[in-house]
PDB file of N, CA and C in Angstrom:
ATOM      1  N   MET A   1      22.392   8.812   5.481  1.00  0.00           N
ATOM      2  CA  MET A   1      23.771   8.961   5.900  1.00  0.00           C
ATOM      3  C   MET A   1      24.543   7.730   4.514  1.00  0.00           C
ATOM      4  N   GLU A   2      24.749   8.913   3.434  1.00  0.00           N
ATOM      5  CA  GLU A   2      25.361   7.950   2.645  1.00  0.00           C
ATOM      6  C   GLU A   2      27.007   7.590   3.041  1.00  0.00           C
ATOM      7  N   SER A   3      27.196   6.508   2.763  1.00  0.00           N
ATOM      8  CA  SER A   3      28.674   5.740   2.966  1.00  0.00           C
ATOM      9  C   SER A   3      29.430   5.913   1.406  1.00  0.00           C
ATOM     10  N   ARG A   4      30.395   5.895   1.949  1.00  0.00           N
ATOM     11  CA  ARG A   4      31.848   6.142   1.320  1.00  0.00           C
ATOM     12  C   ARG A   4      31.759   4.908  -0.687  1.00  0.00           C
ATOM     13  N   PRO A   5      31.638   5.627  -1.350  1.00  0.00           N
ATOM     14  CA  PRO A   5      31.333   4.495  -2.788  1.00  0.00           C
ATOM     15  C   PRO A   5      33.255   3.097  -2.547  1.00  0.00           C
ATOM     16  N   LYS A   6      32.855   2.827  -2.381  1.00  0.00           N
ATOM     17  CA  LYS A   6      34.019   1.023  -2.766  1.00  0.00           C
ATOM     18  C   LYS A   6      34.591   1.287  -4.360  1.00  0.00           C
ATOM     19  N   LEU A   7      35.683   1.506  -4.568  1.00  0.00           N
ATOM     20  CA  LEU A   7      35.625   1.215  -5.941  1.00  0.00           C
ATOM     21  C   LEU A   7      36.792   0.051  -5.995  1.00  0.00           C
ATOM     22  N   VAL A   8      36.356  -0.931  -6.937  1.00  0.00           N
ATOM     23  CA  VAL A   8      36.721  -2.007  -7.470  1.00  0.00           C
ATOM     24  C   VAL A   8      37.313  -2.334  -8.518  1.00  0.00           C
ATOM     25  N   LYS A   9      38.683  -2.716  -8.665  1.00  0.00           N
ATOM     26  CA  LYS A   9      38.913  -3.221 -10.335  1.00  0.00           C
ATOM     27  C   LYS A   9      38.713  -4.496 -10.577  1.00  0.00           C
ATOM     28  N   ASN A  10      37.743  -5.181 -11.646  1.00  0.00           N
ATOM     29  CA  ASN A  10      37.627  -6.430 -11.672  1.00  0.00           C
ATOM     30  C   ASN A  10      38.112  -6.300 -12.823  1.00  0.00           C
ATOM     31  N   PRO A  11      37.538  -8.033 -13.488  1.00  0.00           N
ATOM     32  CA  PRO A  11      38.775  -8.383 -14.610  1.00  0.00           C
ATOM     33  C   PRO A  11      38.254  -7.511 -16.193  1.00  0.00           C
ATOM     34  N   HIS A  12      37.504  -7.365 -16.217  1.00  0.00           N
ATOM     35  CA  HIS A  12      36.614  -6.746 -17.313  1.00  0.00           C
ATOM     36  C   HIS A  12      37.570  -4.913 -17.440  1.00  0.00           C
ATOM     37  N   PRO A  13      37.289  -4.214 -18.634  1.00  0.00           N
ATOM     38  CA  PRO A  13      38.459  -3.195 -19.025  1.00  0.00           C
ATOM     39  C   PRO A  13      37.984  -1.915 -18.239  1.00  0.00           C
ATOM     40  N   HIS A  14      36.651  -2.152 -17.142  1.00  0.00           N
ATOM     41  CA  HIS A  14      36.172  -0.682 -16.630  1.00  0.00           C
ATOM     42  C   HIS A  14      36.239  -0.957 -14.947  1.00  0.00           C
ATOM     43  N   TYR A  15      35.905  -0.011 -13.997  1.00  0.00           N
ATOM     44  CA  TYR A  15      35.502   0.078 -12.802  1.00  0.00           C
ATOM     45  C   TYR A  15      34.226  -0.129 -12.547  1.00  0.00           C
ATOM     46  N   SER A  16      34.383  -0.576 -11.317  1.00  0.00           N
ATOM     47  CA  SER A  16      32.656  -0.412 -10.867  1.00  0.00           C
ATOM     48  C   SER A  16      32.246   0.172  -9.555  1.00  0.00           C
ATOM     49  N   ARG A  17      31.618   0.886  -8.942  1.00  0.00           N
ATOM     50  CA  ARG A  17      31.637   1.332  -7.735  1.00  0.00           C
ATOM     51  C   ARG A  17      30.162   1.040  -7.026  1.00  0.00           C
ATOM     52  N   SER A  18      30.282   0.531  -5.942  1.00  0.00           N
ATOM     53  CA  SER A  18      28.716   0.002  -5.165  1.00  0.00           C
ATOM     54  C   SER A  18      28.266   1.393  -4.027  1.00  0.00           C
ATOM     55  N   ILE A  19      27.160   1.823  -4.225  1.00  0.00           N
ATOM     56  CA  ILE A  19      26.890   2.797  -3.035  1.00  0.00           C
ATOM     57  C   ILE A  19      25.654   2.542  -2.821  1.00  0.00           C
ATOM     58  N   THR A  20      25.477   2.482  -1.432  1.00  0.00           N
ATOM     59  CA  THR A  20      24.465   2.366  -0.447  1.00  0.00           C
ATOM     60  C   THR A  20      23.674   3.660   0.157  1.00  0.00           C
ATOM     61  N   VAL A  21      22.800   3.769   0.125  1.00  0.00           N
ATOM     62  CA  VAL A  21      21.784   4.762   0.494  1.00  0.00           C
ATOM     63  C   VAL A  21      20.789   4.457   1.440  1.00  0.00           C
ATOM     64  N   PRO A  22      20.950   4.103   2.684  1.00  0.00           N
ATOM     65  CA  PRO A  22      20.253   3.689   3.346  1.00  0.00           C
ATOM     66  C   PRO A  22      18.313   4.933   3.390  1.00  0.00           C
ATOM     67  N   ALA A  23      18.034   4.452   4.249  1.00  0.00           N
ATOM     68  CA  ALA A  23      16.763   5.131   4.615  1.00  0.00           C
ATOM     69  C   ALA A  23      16.566   6.036   6.100  1.00  0.00           C
ATOM     70  N   GLU A  24      16.146   7.213   5.619  1.00  0.00           N
ATOM     71  CA  GLU A  24      16.174   7.974   6.966  1.00  0.00           C
ATOM     72  C   GLU A  24      14.884   6.933   7.928  1.00  0.00           C
ATOM     73  N   ALA A  25      16.027   7.401   9.300  1.00  0.00           N
ATOM     74  CA  ALA A  25      15.444   6.472  10.644  1.00  0.00           C
ATOM     75  C   ALA A  25      14.121   7.834  10.616  1.00  0.00           C
ATOM     76  N   GLY A  26      12.823   7.166  11.216  1.00  0.00           N
ATOM     77  CA  GLY A  26      11.858   8.192  12.319  1.00  0.00           C
ATOM     78  C   GLY A  26      11.098   8.538  10.896  1.00  0.00           C
ATOM     79  N   CYS A  27      11.325   8.551   9.484  1.00  0.00           N
ATOM     80  CA  CYS A  27      11.336   9.220   8.939  1.00  0.00           C
ATOM     81  C   CYS A  27       9.254   9.945   8.514  1.00  0.00           C
ATOM     82  N   LEU A  28       9.003  10.510   8.830  1.00  0.00           N
ATOM     83  CA  LEU A  28       7.306  10.741   8.309  1.00  0.00           C
ATOM     84  C   LEU A  28       6.760  10.693   7.055  1.00  0.00           C
ATOM     85  N   CYS A  29       6.281  10.563   6.945  1.00  0.00           N
ATOM     86  CA  CYS A  29       4.933  10.720   5.042  1.00  0.00           C
ATOM     87  C   CYS A  29       5.039  11.804   5.039  1.00  0.00           C
ATOM     88  N   PRO A  30       5.828  12.315   3.151  1.00  0.00           N
ATOM     89  CA  PRO A  30       4.958  14.008   3.478  1.00  0.00           C
ATOM     90  C   PRO A  30       3.325  14.049   2.976  1.00  0.00           C
ATOM     91  N   GLU A  31       2.941  13.043   2.549  1.00  0.00           N
ATOM     92  CA  GLU A  31       1.566  13.245   2.224  1.00  0.00           C
ATOM     93  C   GLU A  31       1.007  13.509   3.417  1.00  0.00           C
ATOM     94  N   CYS A  32       0.530  12.609   4.258  1.00  0.00           N
ATOM     95  CA  CYS A  32      -0.503  12.079   5.305  1.00  0.00           C
ATOM     96  C   CYS A  32       0.409  12.758   6.729  1.00  0.00           C
ATOM     97  N   GLY A  33       1.943  12.592   6.617  1.00  0.00           N
ATOM     98  CA  GLY A  33       2.278  12.546   7.807  1.00  0.00           C
ATOM     99  C   GLY A  33       2.577  11.490   9.288  1.00  0.00           C
ATOM    100  N   GLY A  34       1.965  10.198   8.605  1.00  0.00           N
ATOM    101  CA  GLY A  34       1.982   8.922   8.999  1.00  0.00           C
ATOM    102  C   GLY A  34       3.502   9.053   9.628  1.00  0.00           C
ATOM    103  N   ALA A  35       3.105   7.528  10.269  1.00  0.00           N
ATOM    104  CA  ALA A  35       4.450   7.080  10.964  1.00  0.00           C
ATOM    105  C   ALA A  35       5.693   5.828   9.598  1.00  0.00           C
ATOM    106  N   THR A  36       6.176   5.954   8.994  1.00  0.00           N
ATOM    107  CA  THR A  36       6.867   5.038   8.310  1.00  0.00           C
ATOM    108  C   THR A  36       7.740   4.005   8.604  1.00  0.00           C
ATOM    109  N   GLN A  37       8.190   2.898   7.409  1.00  0.00           N
ATOM    110  CA  GLN A  37       8.295   1.342   8.388  1.00  0.00           C
ATOM    111  C   GLN A  37       9.493   1.294   7.016  1.00  0.00           C
ATOM    112  N   ALA A  38      10.374   1.222   7.092  1.00  0.00           N
ATOM    113  CA  ALA A  38      11.421   0.608   6.240  1.00  0.00           C
ATOM    114  C   ALA A  38      11.550  -0.847   5.934  1.00  0.00           C
ATOM    115  N   ARG A  39      11.338  -0.582   4.711  1.00  0.00           N
ATOM    116  CA  ARG A  39      10.682  -2.361   3.827  1.00  0.00           C
ATOM    117  C   ARG A  39      12.173  -2.853   3.225  1.00  0.00           C
ATOM    118  N   ALA A  40      11.677  -2.556   1.617  1.00  0.00           N
ATOM    119  CA  ALA A  40      12.621  -2.749   0.610  1.00  0.00           C
ATOM    120  C   ALA A  40      13.815  -2.648  -0.023  1.00  0.00           C
ATOM    121  N   TRP A  41      14.530  -2.901  -0.085  1.00  0.00           N
ATOM    122  CA  TRP A  41      16.058  -2.624  -0.740  1.00  0.00           C
ATOM    123  C   TRP A  41      16.216  -2.241  -2.495  1.00  0.00           C
ATOM    124  N   ARG A  42      16.438  -1.848  -2.982  1.00  0.00           N
ATOM    125  CA  ARG A  42      16.348  -1.708  -4.463  1.00  0.00           C
ATOM    126  C   ARG A  42      18.231  -2.032  -5.084  1.00  0.00           C
ATOM    127  N   LYS A  43      18.074  -2.514  -6.087  1.00  0.00           N
ATOM    128  CA  LYS A  43      19.509  -2.722  -6.283  1.00  0.00           C
ATOM    129  C   LYS A  43      19.038  -1.828  -7.570  1.00  0.00           C
ATOM    130  N   VAL A  44      20.201  -0.880  -8.576  1.00  0.00           N
ATOM    131  CA  VAL A  44      20.030  -0.132 -10.055  1.00  0.00           C
ATOM    132  C   VAL A  44      21.592  -0.306 -10.228  1.00  0.00           C
ATOM    133  N   LYS A  45      21.521  -0.540 -11.443  1.00  0.00           N
ATOM    134  CA  LYS A  45      22.804  -0.361 -11.771  1.00  0.00           C
ATOM    135  C   LYS A  45      22.899   0.909 -13.358  1.00  0.00           C
ATOM    136  N   ALA A  46      24.005   1.886 -13.281  1.00  0.00           N
ATOM    137  CA  ALA A  46      24.201   3.206 -13.816  1.00  0.00           C
ATOM    138  C   ALA A  46      25.472   2.837 -14.542  1.00  0.00           C
ATOM    139  N   LYS A  47      25.532   3.522 -15.052  1.00  0.00           N
ATOM    140  CA  LYS A  47      27.167   4.400 -15.573  1.00  0.00           C
ATOM    141  C   LYS A  47      27.647   5.076 -14.902  1.00  0.00           C
ATOM    142  N   ASP A  48      28.696   5.161 -14.170  1.00  0.00           N
ATOM    143  CA  ASP A  48      28.961   6.743 -13.690  1.00  0.00           C
ATOM    144  C   ASP A  48      30.518   7.165 -13.945  1.00  0.00           C
ATOM    145  N   ALA A  49      31.242   8.178 -13.619  1.00  0.00           N
ATOM    146  CA  ALA A  49      32.257   9.363 -14.409  1.00  0.00           C
ATOM    147  C   ALA A  49      33.415   8.380 -14.332  1.00  0.00           C
ATOM    148  N   PRO A  50      33.935   8.654 -15.268  1.00  0.00           N
ATOM    149  CA  PRO A  50      35.186   7.696 -15.693  1.00  0.00           C
ATOM    150  C   PRO A  50      36.582   7.660 -14.712  1.00  0.00           C
ATOM    151  N   VAL A  51      37.114   6.683 -14.351  1.00  0.00           N
ATOM    152  CA  VAL A  51      37.892   6.662 -13.293  1.00  0.00           C
ATOM    153  C   VAL A  51      39.406   5.850 -14.490  1.00  0.00           C
ATOM    154  N   LYS A  52      40.520   6.701 -14.251  1.00  0.00           N
ATOM    155  CA  LYS A  52      41.433   7.169 -15.016  1.00  0.00           C
ATOM    156  C   LYS A  52      40.923   6.836 -16.655  1.00  0.00           C
ATOM    157  N   GLY A  53      40.303   7.910 -17.025  1.00  0.00           N
ATOM    158  CA  GLY A  53      40.098   7.367 -18.672  1.00  0.00           C
ATOM    159  C   GLY A  53      39.119   5.934 -19.153  1.00  0.00           C
ATOM    160  N   LYS A  54      39.026   5.522 -18.011  1.00  0.00           N
ATOM    161  CA  LYS A  54      37.985   4.202 -18.377  1.00  0.00           C
ATOM    162  C   LYS A  54      36.724   4.024 -17.855  1.00  0.00           C
ATOM    163  N   PRO A  55      35.502   3.624 -18.533  1.00  0.00           N
ATOM    164  CA  PRO A  55      34.039   3.338 -17.844  1.00  0.00           C
ATOM    165  C   PRO A  55      34.140   2.985 -16.274  1.00  0.00           C
ATOM    166  N   CYS A  56      32.746   3.723 -15.636  1.00  0.00           N
ATOM    167  CA  CYS A  56      32.685   2.785 -14.116  1.00  0.00           C
ATOM    168  C   CYS A  56      31.212   2.647 -14.802  1.00  0.00           C
ATOM    169  N   ALA A  57      31.046   1.352 -13.805  1.00  0.00           N
ATOM    170  CA  ALA A  57      29.598   1.386 -13.847  1.00  0.00           C
ATOM    171  C   ALA A  57      29.526   1.503 -12.109  1.00  0.00           C
ATOM    172  N   ALA A  58      28.181   1.637 -11.451  1.00  0.00           N
ATOM    173  CA  ALA A  58      27.892   2.094 -10.117  1.00  0.00           C
ATOM    174  C   ALA A  58      26.996   1.107 -10.307  1.00  0.00           C
ATOM    175  N   THR A  59      26.703   0.347  -8.663  1.00  0.00           N
ATOM    176  CA  THR A  59      25.672  -0.385  -8.178  1.00  0.00           C
ATOM    177  C   THR A  59      24.980   0.372  -7.254  1.00  0.00           C
ATOM    178  N   ILE A  60      23.694   1.085  -7.557  1.00  0.00           N
ATOM    179  CA  ILE A  60      23.488   2.118  -6.310  1.00  0.00           C
ATOM    180  C   ILE A  60      22.357   1.020  -5.385  1.00  0.00           C
ATOM    181  N   ASN A  61      22.483   0.879  -4.364  1.00  0.00           N
ATOM    182  CA  ASN A  61      21.602  -0.137  -3.039  1.00  0.00           C
ATOM    183  C   ASN A  61      20.693   1.222  -2.507  1.00  0.00           C
ATOM    184  N   PHE A  62      19.553   1.381  -2.501  1.00  0.00           N
ATOM    185  CA  PHE A  62      19.048   2.208  -1.968  1.00  0.00           C
ATOM    186  C   PHE A  62      17.568   1.674  -0.933  1.00  0.00           C
ATOM    187  N   GLN A  63      17.460   2.071   0.164  1.00  0.00           N
ATOM    188  CA  GLN A  63      16.099   1.272   0.936  1.00  0.00           C
ATOM    189  C   GLN A  63      15.040   2.218   0.769  1.00  0.00           C
ATOM    190  N   ARG A  64      13.582   1.553   0.324  1.00  0.00           N
ATOM    191  CA  ARG A  64      12.754   2.572   0.441  1.00  0.00           C
ATOM    192  C   ARG A  64      11.411   2.452   1.957  1.00  0.00           C
ATOM    193  N   ARG A  65      10.718   3.123   2.020  1.00  0.00           N
ATOM    194  CA  ARG A  65      10.071   3.278   3.055  1.00  0.00           C
ATOM    195  C   ARG A  65       8.825   3.270   2.602  1.00  0.00           C
ATOM    196  N   TYR A  66       7.947   2.569   4.057  1.00  0.00           N
ATOM    197  CA  TYR A  66       5.991   2.251   3.771  1.00  0.00           C
ATOM    198  C   TYR A  66       5.415   3.418   3.925  1.00  0.00           C
ATOM    199  N   CYS A  67       4.465   3.717   4.321  1.00  0.00           N
ATOM    200  CA  CYS A  67       3.346   4.561   5.136  1.00  0.00           C
ATOM    201  C   CYS A  67       2.695   3.208   5.572  1.00  0.00           C
ATOM    202  N   LEU A  68       2.736   3.916   6.907  1.00  0.00           N
ATOM    203  CA  LEU A  68       1.457   3.016   7.287  1.00  0.00           C
ATOM    204  C   LEU A  68       0.370   3.456   7.107  1.00  0.00           C
ATOM    205  N   ASN A  69       0.100   4.400   6.747  1.00  0.00           N
ATOM    206  CA  ASN A  69      -1.433   5.250   7.412  1.00  0.00           C
ATOM    207  C   ASN A  69      -1.756   5.140   5.898  1.00  0.00           C
ATOM    208  N   CYS A  70      -1.371   5.810   4.697  1.00  0.00           N
ATOM    209  CA  CYS A  70      -1.825   6.108   3.244  1.00  0.00           C
ATOM    210  C   CYS A  70      -1.064   5.523   2.105  1.00  0.00           C
ATOM    211  N   SER A  71      -0.350   3.753   2.763  1.00  0.00           N
ATOM    212  CA  SER A  71       0.082   2.944   1.828  1.00  0.00           C
ATOM    213  C   SER A  71       0.605   3.217   1.065  1.00  0.00           C
ATOM    214  N   ARG A  72       1.766   4.716   0.928  1.00  0.00           N
ATOM    215  CA  ARG A  72       2.515   4.955  -0.046  1.00  0.00           C
ATOM    216  C   ARG A  72       3.895   4.116   0.028  1.00  0.00           C
ATOM    217  N   TRP A  73       4.407   4.299  -1.149  1.00  0.00           N
ATOM    218  CA  TRP A  73       6.427   3.882  -0.737  1.00  0.00           C
ATOM    219  C   TRP A  73       7.285   5.083  -1.169  1.00  0.00           C
ATOM    220  N   LEU A  74       7.899   5.308  -0.204  1.00  0.00           N
ATOM    221  CA  LEU A  74       8.403   6.932   0.034  1.00  0.00           C
ATOM    222  C   LEU A  74       9.825   6.141  -0.557  1.00  0.00           C
ATOM    223  N   THR A  75      10.350   6.943  -1.309  1.00  0.00           N
ATOM    224  CA  THR A  75      11.951   6.608  -1.965  1.00  0.00           C
ATOM    225  C   THR A  75      12.787   7.868  -1.807  1.00  0.00           C
ATOM    226  N   PRO A  76      14.198   7.336  -1.052  1.00  0.00           N
ATOM    227  CA  PRO A  76      15.480   8.474  -0.713  1.00  0.00           C
ATOM    228  C   PRO A  76      15.711   9.047  -1.724  1.00  0.00           C
ATOM    229  N   GLU A  77      16.596  10.113  -1.415  1.00  0.00           N
ATOM    230  CA  GLU A  77      17.314  10.892  -2.653  1.00  0.00           C
ATOM    231  C   GLU A  77      17.842  10.136  -2.954  1.00  0.00           C
ATOM    232  N   THR A  78      18.472   9.577  -4.300  1.00  0.00           N
ATOM    233  CA  THR A  78      19.638   9.200  -5.035  1.00  0.00           C
ATOM    234  C   THR A  78      20.746   9.805  -5.888  1.00  0.00           C
ATOM    235  N   PRO A  79      21.807   9.275  -5.884  1.00  0.00           N
ATOM    236  CA  PRO A  79      22.241  10.170  -6.548  1.00  0.00           C
ATOM    237  C   PRO A  79      22.977   9.469  -8.243  1.00  0.00           C
ATOM    238  N   LEU A  80      21.165   9.123  -8.960  1.00  0.00           N
ATOM    239  CA  LEU A  80      20.918   9.148  -9.860  1.00  0.00           C
ATOM    240  C   LEU A  80      20.526  10.566 -10.997  1.00  0.00           C
ATOM    241  N   HIS A  81      20.397  10.599 -12.070  1.00  0.00           N
ATOM    242  CA  HIS A  81      20.248  12.195 -12.582  1.00  0.00           C
ATOM    243  C   HIS A  81      19.106  11.306 -13.741  1.00  0.00           C
ATOM    244  N   ASP A  82      17.504  12.290 -13.360  1.00  0.00           N
ATOM    245  CA  ASP A  82      16.713  12.001 -13.790  1.00  0.00           C
ATOM    246  C   ASP A  82      16.330  11.655 -15.776  1.00  0.00           C
ATOM    247  N   GLY A  83      15.915  10.018 -15.536  1.00  0.00           N
ATOM    248  CA  GLY A  83      15.594   9.911 -17.067  1.00  0.00           C
ATOM    249  C   GLY A  83      16.575   9.299 -17.830  1.00  0.00           C
ATOM    250  N   PHE A  84      18.070   9.389 -17.025  1.00  0.00           N
ATOM    251  CA  PHE A  84      19.264   8.671 -18.193  1.00  0.00           C
ATOM    252  C   PHE A  84      19.579   7.626 -17.495  1.00  0.00           C
ATOM    253  N   MET A  85      19.455   7.205 -16.289  1.00  0.00           N
ATOM    254  CA  MET A  85      20.042   6.150 -15.631  1.00  0.00           C
ATOM    255  C   MET A  85      21.924   6.361 -15.214  1.00  0.00           C
ATOM    256  N   ILE A  86      21.992   7.184 -15.410  1.00  0.00           N
ATOM    257  CA  ILE A  86      23.622   7.367 -14.948  1.00  0.00           C
ATOM    258  C   ILE A  86      22.978   8.231 -13.824  1.00  0.00           C
ATOM    259  N   THR A  87      24.345   8.380 -13.631  1.00  0.00           N
ATOM    260  CA  THR A  87      24.707   9.017 -12.105  1.00  0.00           C
ATOM    261  C   THR A  87      24.808  10.955 -12.501  1.00  0.00           C
ATOM    262  N   LYS A  88      24.998  11.423 -11.132  1.00  0.00           N
ATOM    263  CA  LYS A  88      24.581  12.986 -10.804  1.00  0.00           C
ATOM    264  C   LYS A  88      26.216  12.683 -11.779  1.00  0.00           C
ATOM    265  N   GLY A  89      27.307  12.225 -11.203  1.00  0.00           N
ATOM    266  CA  GLY A  89      28.530  12.467 -11.453  1.00  0.00           C
ATOM    267  C   GLY A  89      29.000  12.878 -12.798  1.00  0.00           C
ATOM    268  N   LEU A  90      28.319  11.537 -13.087  1.00  0.00           N
ATOM    269  CA  LEU A  90      28.232  11.033 -14.760  1.00  0.00           C
ATOM    270  C   LEU A  90      27.950  12.055 -15.579  1.00  0.00           C
ATOM    271  N   TYR A  91      26.814  12.841 -15.218  1.00  0.00           N
ATOM    272  CA  TYR A  91      25.667  14.105 -15.920  1.00  0.00           C
ATOM    273  C   TYR A  91      26.708  15.372 -16.136  1.00  0.00           C
ATOM    274  N   GLY A  92      27.223  15.458 -15.255  1.00  0.00           N
ATOM    275  CA  GLY A  92      28.190  17.036 -15.164  1.00  0.00           C
ATOM    276  C   GLY A  92      29.199  16.899 -15.338  1.00  0.00           C
ATOM    277  N   TRP A  93      30.122  15.358 -15.136  1.00  0.00           N
ATOM    278  CA  TRP A  93      31.224  15.046 -15.830  1.00  0.00           C
ATOM    279  C   TRP A  93      31.667  15.374 -17.735  1.00  0.00           C
ATOM    280  N   ILE A  94      30.275  14.884 -18.492  1.00  0.00           N
ATOM    281  CA  ILE A  94      30.148  14.638 -19.960  1.00  0.00           C
ATOM    282  C   ILE A  94      29.784  16.962 -20.142  1.00  0.00           C
ATOM    283  N   HIS A  95      29.285  17.069 -19.407  1.00  0.00           N
ATOM    284  CA  HIS A  95      28.585  18.335 -19.737  1.00  0.00           C
ATOM    285  C   HIS A  95      30.392  19.384 -19.410  1.00  0.00           C
ATOM    286  N   ALA A  96      30.688  19.119 -18.716  1.00  0.00           N
ATOM    287  CA  ALA A  96      32.206  19.991 -18.660  1.00  0.00           C
ATOM    288  C   ALA A  96      33.301  19.364 -19.329  1.00  0.00           C
ATOM    289  N   ASN A  97      32.854  17.968 -20.446  1.00  0.00           N
ATOM    290  CA  ASN A  97      33.855  17.898 -21.240  1.00  0.00           C
ATOM    291  C   ASN A  97      32.977  18.011 -22.550  1.00  0.00           C
ATOM    292  N   ALA A  98      31.942  18.984 -22.531  1.00  0.00           N
ATOM    293  CA  ALA A  98      31.217  19.093 -23.929  1.00  0.00           C
ATOM    294  C   ALA A  98      32.114  19.297 -24.727  1.00  0.00           C
ATOM    295  N   GLY A  99      33.304  19.977 -25.311  1.00  0.00           N
ATOM    296  CA  GLY A  99      33.819  20.692 -25.695  1.00  0.00           C
ATOM    297  C   GLY A  99      35.144  19.634 -26.670  1.00  0.00           C
ATOM    298  N   LYS A 100      34.793  18.798 -25.735  1.00  0.00           N
ATOM    299  CA  LYS A 100      35.689  17.661 -26.710  1.00  0.00           C
ATOM    300  C   LYS A 100      35.338  16.656 -27.786  1.00  0.00           C
ATOM    301  N   PRO A 101      35.763  15.452 -28.380  1.00  0.00           N
ATOM    302  CA  PRO A 101      35.732  15.341 -29.365  1.00  0.00           C
ATOM    303  C   PRO A 101      34.373  13.827 -28.900  1.00  0.00           C
ATOM    304  N   GLN A 102      32.707  13.587 -29.656  1.00  0.00           N
ATOM    305  CA  GLN A 102      32.062  12.837 -29.105  1.00  0.00           C
ATOM    306  C   GLN A 102      32.624  11.322 -29.056  1.00  0.00           C
ATOM    307  N   VAL A 103      33.083  11.112 -30.324  1.00  0.00           N
ATOM    308  CA  VAL A 103      34.108   9.432 -30.332  1.00  0.00           C
ATOM    309  C   VAL A 103      34.829   9.580 -27.874  1.00  0.00           C
ATOM    310  N   TRP A 104      35.674  10.451 -28.357  1.00  0.00           N
ATOM    311  CA  TRP A 104      36.943  10.207 -27.224  1.00  0.00           C
ATOM    312  C   TRP A 104      35.049  10.180 -25.906  1.00  0.00           C
ATOM    313  N   LEU A 105      34.150  10.946 -25.879  1.00  0.00           N
ATOM    314  CA  LEU A 105      33.440  10.830 -24.472  1.00  0.00           C
ATOM    315  C   LEU A 105      32.922   9.431 -24.403  1.00  0.00           C
ATOM    316  N   ARG A 106      32.365   9.083 -25.589  1.00  0.00           N
ATOM    317  CA  ARG A 106      32.134   8.043 -26.265  1.00  0.00           C
ATOM    318  C   ARG A 106      33.479   7.022 -25.199  1.00  0.00           C
ATOM    319  N   GLN A 107      34.462   6.705 -25.603  1.00  0.00           N
ATOM    320  CA  GLN A 107      35.167   5.505 -25.129  1.00  0.00           C
ATOM    321  C   GLN A 107      35.326   5.973 -23.825  1.00  0.00           C
ATOM    322  N   SER A 108      35.408   6.804 -22.938  1.00  0.00           N
ATOM    323  CA  SER A 108      35.966   7.419 -22.011  1.00  0.00           C
ATOM    324  C   SER A 108      34.502   7.022 -21.002  1.00  0.00           C
ATOM    325  N   THR A 109      33.156   6.854 -21.371  1.00  0.00           N
ATOM    326  CA  THR A 109      31.989   6.929 -20.179  1.00  0.00           C
ATOM    327  C   THR A 109      31.465   5.300 -20.765  1.00  0.00           C
ATOM    328  N   GLY A 110      31.541   5.098 -21.681  1.00  0.00           N
ATOM    329  CA  GLY A 110      30.861   3.422 -22.606  1.00  0.00           C
ATOM    330  C   GLY A 110      29.601   3.859 -22.814  1.00  0.00           C
ATOM    331  N   LEU A 111      29.126   4.726 -23.522  1.00  0.00           N
ATOM    332  CA  LEU A 111      27.299   5.378 -23.721  1.00  0.00           C
ATOM    333  C   LEU A 111      27.598   5.159 -24.920  1.00  0.00           C
ATOM    334  N   SER A 112      26.131   5.339 -25.844  1.00  0.00           N
ATOM    335  CA  SER A 112      26.378   5.132 -26.709  1.00  0.00           C
ATOM    336  C   SER A 112      26.153   6.583 -27.094  1.00  0.00           C
ATOM    337  N   MET A 113      26.471   6.682 -28.698  1.00  0.00           N
ATOM    338  CA  MET A 113      26.209   8.201 -29.001  1.00  0.00           C
ATOM    339  C   MET A 113      25.046   8.706 -28.738  1.00  0.00           C
ATOM    340  N   ALA A 114      23.863   7.464 -29.550  1.00  0.00           N
ATOM    341  CA  ALA A 114      22.725   8.467 -29.015  1.00  0.00           C
ATOM    342  C   ALA A 114      22.902   8.998 -28.021  1.00  0.00           C
ATOM    343  N   ARG A 115      22.893   7.862 -27.133  1.00  0.00           N
ATOM    344  CA  ARG A 115      22.674   8.471 -25.656  1.00  0.00           C
ATOM    345  C   ARG A 115      23.757   9.808 -25.193  1.00  0.00           C
ATOM    346  N   LEU A 116      24.716   9.885 -25.666  1.00  0.00           N
ATOM    347  CA  LEU A 116      25.513  10.923 -25.555  1.00  0.00           C
ATOM    348  C   LEU A 116      25.044  11.789 -25.525  1.00  0.00           C
ATOM    349  N   ARG A 117      24.724  12.129 -27.236  1.00  0.00           N
ATOM    350  CA  ARG A 117      23.445  13.048 -27.895  1.00  0.00           C
ATOM    351  C   ARG A 117      22.689  13.148 -27.216  1.00  0.00           C
ATOM    352  N   ARG A 118      21.642  12.772 -26.423  1.00  0.00           N
ATOM    353  CA  ARG A 118      20.207  12.834 -26.095  1.00  0.00           C
ATOM    354  C   ARG A 118      20.421  13.727 -24.603  1.00  0.00           C
ATOM    355  N   ILE A 119      21.550  13.161 -23.281  1.00  0.00           N
ATOM    356  CA  ILE A 119      22.448  13.956 -22.554  1.00  0.00           C
ATOM    357  C   ILE A 119      22.888  14.976 -22.948  1.00  0.00           C
ATOM    358  N   LEU A 120      23.495  15.594 -23.907  1.00  0.00           N
ATOM    359  CA  LEU A 120      24.526  16.923 -24.292  1.00  0.00           C
ATOM    360  C   LEU A 120      23.012  17.749 -24.767  1.00  0.00           C
ATOM    361  N   LYS A 121      21.879  17.753 -25.698  1.00  0.00           N
ATOM    362  CA  LYS A 121      20.932  18.287 -25.242  1.00  0.00           C
ATOM    363  C   LYS A 121      20.084  18.823 -24.323  1.00  0.00           C
ATOM    364  N   ASP A 122      20.350  17.643 -23.445  1.00  0.00           N
ATOM    365  CA  ASP A 122      19.725  17.760 -21.546  1.00  0.00           C
ATOM    366  C   ASP A 122      20.373  19.229 -21.605  1.00  0.00           C
TER     367      ASP A 122
END
């Protein structure tokens, strides 16, 4: 179960969130059906949807599981959008505001113009 994101105001001119995604208890391997064991925690930093018009960074902590039978690592579903290192919320926010000037989008999100254009093409 995903915990609620904590919004923290830092001394920099943007906000940050911390999101924790724990591994599912009693999860079975989708490949072989074997038992898995919770092992490593990973921390990923990504951009998130703006808060009060200012860029927001997200730190996502998630726990990976290891299959004891086939030696595969399993990663839980995270709020990251594939390939862009941004949250799904920011991806949706950018597409919802696609009609606005790109300079405003860049200032609100903290993303580069090239990255914004790649996201808008997707």
